[in-house]
N, C-alpha and C. Protein backbone atom coordinates (compact mmCIF):
# COMPACT_ATOMS: atom_id res chain seq x y z
N MET A 1 18.13 -18.87 179.72
CA MET A 1 18.79 -19.93 178.98
C MET A 1 17.74 -20.74 178.24
N ALA A 2 17.99 -21.03 176.98
CA ALA A 2 17.05 -21.79 176.17
C ALA A 2 16.99 -23.23 176.66
N GLU A 3 15.80 -23.81 176.57
CA GLU A 3 15.63 -25.20 176.98
C GLU A 3 16.22 -26.10 175.90
N GLU A 4 17.09 -27.01 176.31
CA GLU A 4 17.73 -27.91 175.36
C GLU A 4 17.33 -29.34 175.66
N ALA A 5 17.35 -30.19 174.63
CA ALA A 5 17.05 -31.61 174.83
C ALA A 5 18.15 -32.21 175.70
N ARG A 6 17.75 -33.08 176.59
CA ARG A 6 18.73 -33.76 177.43
C ARG A 6 19.56 -34.70 176.56
N ARG A 7 20.74 -35.03 177.05
CA ARG A 7 21.65 -35.89 176.27
C ARG A 7 21.05 -37.25 175.97
N ASP A 8 20.21 -37.75 176.85
CA ASP A 8 19.65 -39.09 176.63
C ASP A 8 18.32 -39.04 175.88
N ASP A 9 17.95 -37.87 175.36
CA ASP A 9 16.73 -37.76 174.57
C ASP A 9 17.01 -38.10 173.11
N LEU A 10 16.01 -38.71 172.47
CA LEU A 10 16.09 -39.02 171.05
C LEU A 10 14.99 -38.26 170.33
N THR A 11 15.34 -37.53 169.30
CA THR A 11 14.35 -36.88 168.46
C THR A 11 14.22 -37.72 167.21
N VAL A 12 13.01 -38.22 166.98
CA VAL A 12 12.74 -39.11 165.85
C VAL A 12 11.58 -38.55 165.04
N THR A 13 11.49 -38.99 163.81
CA THR A 13 10.35 -38.66 162.96
C THR A 13 9.49 -39.91 162.92
N ILE A 14 8.22 -39.76 163.27
CA ILE A 14 7.29 -40.90 163.26
C ILE A 14 6.27 -40.65 162.15
N LEU A 15 6.16 -41.63 161.26
CA LEU A 15 5.17 -41.54 160.18
C LEU A 15 3.84 -42.05 160.72
N ILE A 16 2.88 -41.14 160.83
CA ILE A 16 1.55 -41.46 161.34
C ILE A 16 0.57 -41.20 160.20
N ASN A 17 -0.05 -42.26 159.70
CA ASN A 17 -0.93 -42.15 158.52
C ASN A 17 -0.20 -41.48 157.36
N GLY A 18 1.08 -41.78 157.24
CA GLY A 18 1.88 -41.24 156.15
C GLY A 18 2.40 -39.84 156.39
N ASN A 19 1.98 -39.21 157.47
CA ASN A 19 2.41 -37.85 157.77
C ASN A 19 3.56 -37.86 158.77
N PRO A 20 4.69 -37.22 158.46
CA PRO A 20 5.82 -37.20 159.39
C PRO A 20 5.58 -36.24 160.55
N GLU A 21 5.82 -36.73 161.75
CA GLU A 21 5.72 -35.90 162.96
C GLU A 21 7.00 -36.08 163.75
N GLN A 22 7.63 -34.98 164.11
CA GLN A 22 8.85 -35.06 164.90
C GLN A 22 8.48 -35.11 166.37
N LYS A 23 9.06 -36.09 167.08
CA LYS A 23 8.78 -36.29 168.50
C LYS A 23 10.11 -36.49 169.23
N THR A 24 10.14 -36.13 170.50
CA THR A 24 11.32 -36.34 171.33
C THR A 24 10.94 -37.18 172.54
N TYR A 25 11.72 -38.24 172.78
CA TYR A 25 11.48 -39.15 173.90
C TYR A 25 12.80 -39.44 174.59
N PRO A 26 12.75 -39.76 175.89
CA PRO A 26 13.96 -40.24 176.55
C PRO A 26 14.39 -41.57 175.93
N ALA A 27 15.69 -41.79 175.79
CA ALA A 27 16.21 -43.03 175.19
C ALA A 27 15.77 -44.26 175.98
N HIS A 28 15.52 -44.08 177.30
CA HIS A 28 15.12 -45.22 178.14
C HIS A 28 13.61 -45.45 178.15
N GLU A 29 12.86 -44.69 177.35
CA GLU A 29 11.40 -44.88 177.27
C GLU A 29 11.10 -46.22 176.60
N LYS A 30 10.15 -46.97 177.16
CA LYS A 30 9.77 -48.24 176.53
C LYS A 30 8.97 -47.96 175.25
N VAL A 31 9.18 -48.83 174.27
CA VAL A 31 8.45 -48.72 173.00
C VAL A 31 6.94 -48.74 173.28
N GLU A 32 6.50 -49.59 174.20
CA GLU A 32 5.08 -49.66 174.57
C GLU A 32 4.55 -48.30 174.99
N THR A 33 5.32 -47.58 175.79
CA THR A 33 4.91 -46.25 176.28
C THR A 33 4.80 -45.26 175.12
N VAL A 34 5.73 -45.35 174.19
CA VAL A 34 5.68 -44.46 173.01
C VAL A 34 4.42 -44.76 172.20
N ILE A 35 4.14 -46.04 171.97
CA ILE A 35 2.93 -46.41 171.22
C ILE A 35 1.69 -45.83 171.90
N LYS A 36 1.60 -46.01 173.21
CA LYS A 36 0.44 -45.49 173.96
C LYS A 36 0.34 -43.98 173.83
N SER A 37 1.48 -43.29 173.80
CA SER A 37 1.47 -41.82 173.72
C SER A 37 0.94 -41.33 172.38
N LEU A 38 0.99 -42.18 171.36
CA LEU A 38 0.55 -41.78 170.02
C LEU A 38 -0.94 -42.05 169.79
N LEU A 39 -1.56 -42.78 170.70
CA LEU A 39 -2.98 -43.14 170.55
C LEU A 39 -3.88 -42.15 171.26
N PRO A 40 -5.09 -41.95 170.76
CA PRO A 40 -6.06 -41.12 171.47
C PRO A 40 -6.37 -41.77 172.83
N GLU A 41 -6.74 -40.97 173.78
CA GLU A 41 -6.99 -41.45 175.16
C GLU A 41 -7.88 -42.68 175.19
N GLY A 42 -8.94 -42.71 174.43
CA GLY A 42 -9.88 -43.82 174.46
C GLY A 42 -9.36 -45.11 173.83
N ASP A 43 -8.25 -45.03 173.11
CA ASP A 43 -7.71 -46.21 172.43
C ASP A 43 -6.46 -46.79 173.09
N LYS A 44 -5.99 -46.17 174.17
CA LYS A 44 -4.75 -46.61 174.81
C LYS A 44 -4.82 -48.06 175.27
N HIS A 45 -6.00 -48.55 175.65
CA HIS A 45 -6.12 -49.94 176.10
C HIS A 45 -5.92 -50.92 174.95
N ASN A 46 -6.01 -50.46 173.72
CA ASN A 46 -5.79 -51.31 172.54
C ASN A 46 -4.38 -51.15 171.97
N TRP A 47 -3.45 -50.69 172.79
CA TRP A 47 -2.11 -50.37 172.29
C TRP A 47 -1.43 -51.56 171.61
N ALA A 48 -1.72 -52.80 172.05
CA ALA A 48 -1.05 -53.98 171.51
C ALA A 48 -1.43 -54.25 170.05
N GLN A 49 -2.45 -53.55 169.55
CA GLN A 49 -2.84 -53.70 168.14
C GLN A 49 -2.00 -52.82 167.22
N TRP A 50 -1.08 -52.06 167.80
CA TRP A 50 -0.27 -51.11 167.04
C TRP A 50 1.20 -51.44 167.19
N GLN A 51 2.00 -50.97 166.26
CA GLN A 51 3.44 -51.20 166.34
C GLN A 51 4.21 -50.00 165.83
N LEU A 52 5.43 -49.90 166.32
CA LEU A 52 6.41 -48.96 165.79
C LEU A 52 7.44 -49.81 165.07
N SER A 53 7.84 -49.40 163.90
CA SER A 53 8.85 -50.17 163.18
C SER A 53 9.85 -49.23 162.54
N ASP A 54 11.06 -49.78 162.40
CA ASP A 54 12.06 -49.06 161.61
C ASP A 54 11.98 -49.64 160.20
N ARG A 55 12.92 -49.40 159.38
CA ARG A 55 12.83 -49.89 158.00
C ARG A 55 13.03 -51.39 157.91
N GLN A 56 13.50 -52.02 158.97
CA GLN A 56 13.81 -53.44 158.96
C GLN A 56 12.71 -54.30 159.57
N GLN A 57 12.20 -53.88 160.74
CA GLN A 57 11.29 -54.74 161.49
C GLN A 57 10.53 -53.94 162.55
N ALA A 58 9.51 -54.60 163.11
CA ALA A 58 8.77 -54.00 164.22
C ALA A 58 9.65 -53.98 165.46
N LEU A 59 9.51 -52.93 166.26
CA LEU A 59 10.28 -52.82 167.49
C LEU A 59 9.59 -53.60 168.60
N ASN A 60 10.37 -54.24 169.45
CA ASN A 60 9.85 -55.00 170.58
C ASN A 60 9.28 -54.01 171.60
N PRO A 61 7.98 -54.10 171.91
CA PRO A 61 7.37 -53.12 172.82
C PRO A 61 7.91 -53.20 174.25
N GLN A 62 8.56 -54.30 174.61
CA GLN A 62 9.09 -54.43 175.97
C GLN A 62 10.49 -53.84 176.11
N GLN A 63 11.11 -53.48 175.00
CA GLN A 63 12.44 -52.87 175.04
C GLN A 63 12.33 -51.35 175.12
N THR A 64 13.41 -50.74 175.59
CA THR A 64 13.49 -49.29 175.52
C THR A 64 13.85 -48.90 174.09
N LEU A 65 13.68 -47.63 173.78
CA LEU A 65 14.06 -47.17 172.44
C LEU A 65 15.53 -47.47 172.17
N LYS A 66 16.38 -47.23 173.17
CA LYS A 66 17.81 -47.49 173.01
C LYS A 66 18.07 -48.98 172.78
N GLU A 67 17.45 -49.84 173.58
CA GLU A 67 17.63 -51.28 173.42
C GLU A 67 17.16 -51.76 172.05
N ALA A 68 16.14 -51.11 171.51
CA ALA A 68 15.60 -51.48 170.20
C ALA A 68 16.45 -50.94 169.05
N GLY A 69 17.50 -50.21 169.39
CA GLY A 69 18.40 -49.71 168.36
C GLY A 69 18.00 -48.40 167.73
N VAL A 70 17.06 -47.69 168.35
CA VAL A 70 16.62 -46.40 167.81
C VAL A 70 17.70 -45.36 168.11
N ALA A 71 18.05 -44.59 167.11
CA ALA A 71 19.06 -43.53 167.25
C ALA A 71 18.42 -42.18 166.98
N ASP A 72 19.04 -41.15 167.50
CA ASP A 72 18.58 -39.78 167.27
C ASP A 72 18.52 -39.53 165.77
N GLY A 73 17.40 -38.99 165.30
CA GLY A 73 17.22 -38.68 163.88
C GLY A 73 16.58 -39.79 163.06
N ASP A 74 16.34 -40.95 163.68
CA ASP A 74 15.71 -42.06 162.95
C ASP A 74 14.28 -41.73 162.54
N THR A 75 13.80 -42.45 161.52
CA THR A 75 12.41 -42.36 161.10
C THR A 75 11.75 -43.70 161.40
N LEU A 76 10.62 -43.66 162.09
CA LEU A 76 9.86 -44.85 162.48
C LEU A 76 8.46 -44.75 161.88
N SER A 77 7.85 -45.91 161.67
CA SER A 77 6.46 -45.96 161.20
C SER A 77 5.57 -46.45 162.32
N PHE A 78 4.41 -45.82 162.48
CA PHE A 78 3.41 -46.19 163.46
C PHE A 78 2.22 -46.75 162.69
N THR A 79 1.99 -48.07 162.82
CA THR A 79 0.94 -48.71 162.04
C THR A 79 0.17 -49.71 162.89
N LYS A 80 -1.04 -50.01 162.45
CA LYS A 80 -1.82 -51.06 163.07
C LYS A 80 -1.24 -52.40 162.63
N ILE A 81 -1.09 -53.33 163.55
CA ILE A 81 -0.42 -54.59 163.26
C ILE A 81 -1.10 -55.35 162.14
N ASP A 82 -2.42 -55.46 162.16
CA ASP A 82 -3.10 -56.21 161.11
C ASP A 82 -3.56 -55.32 159.96
N GLY A 83 -3.12 -54.07 159.97
CA GLY A 83 -3.58 -53.12 158.97
C GLY A 83 -2.93 -53.28 157.61
N GLY A 84 -1.71 -53.80 157.58
CA GLY A 84 -1.04 -54.03 156.31
C GLY A 84 -0.68 -52.78 155.53
N GLY A 85 -1.06 -51.61 156.03
CA GLY A 85 -0.71 -50.36 155.38
C GLY A 85 -1.52 -50.05 154.14
N GLY A 86 -2.45 -50.92 153.76
CA GLY A 86 -3.25 -50.69 152.56
C GLY A 86 -4.55 -49.96 152.88
N ALA A 87 -5.32 -49.71 151.88
CA ALA A 87 -6.61 -49.04 152.06
C ALA A 87 -7.58 -49.98 152.75
N ALA A 88 -8.41 -49.41 153.57
CA ALA A 88 -9.38 -50.21 154.32
C ALA A 88 -10.57 -50.58 153.47
């Protein structure tokens, strides 16, 4: 039997440095945990410098994906909080 996503899993597209990456997370996963999962091992302690946002606003890192209103198929942006998205 083929492995299928669980019903409470959300598959989202995350824009990382402008590149779309499809990821699947449990709906009850905290936004903070997702942010940490996207960082290299040596940078996980600096997770609070990063944010996930939808097209409206940054997601609260203390909420779960579901609580933050993330739905299956959504596109999120992963950016440094003070980065502004511009060239360094």
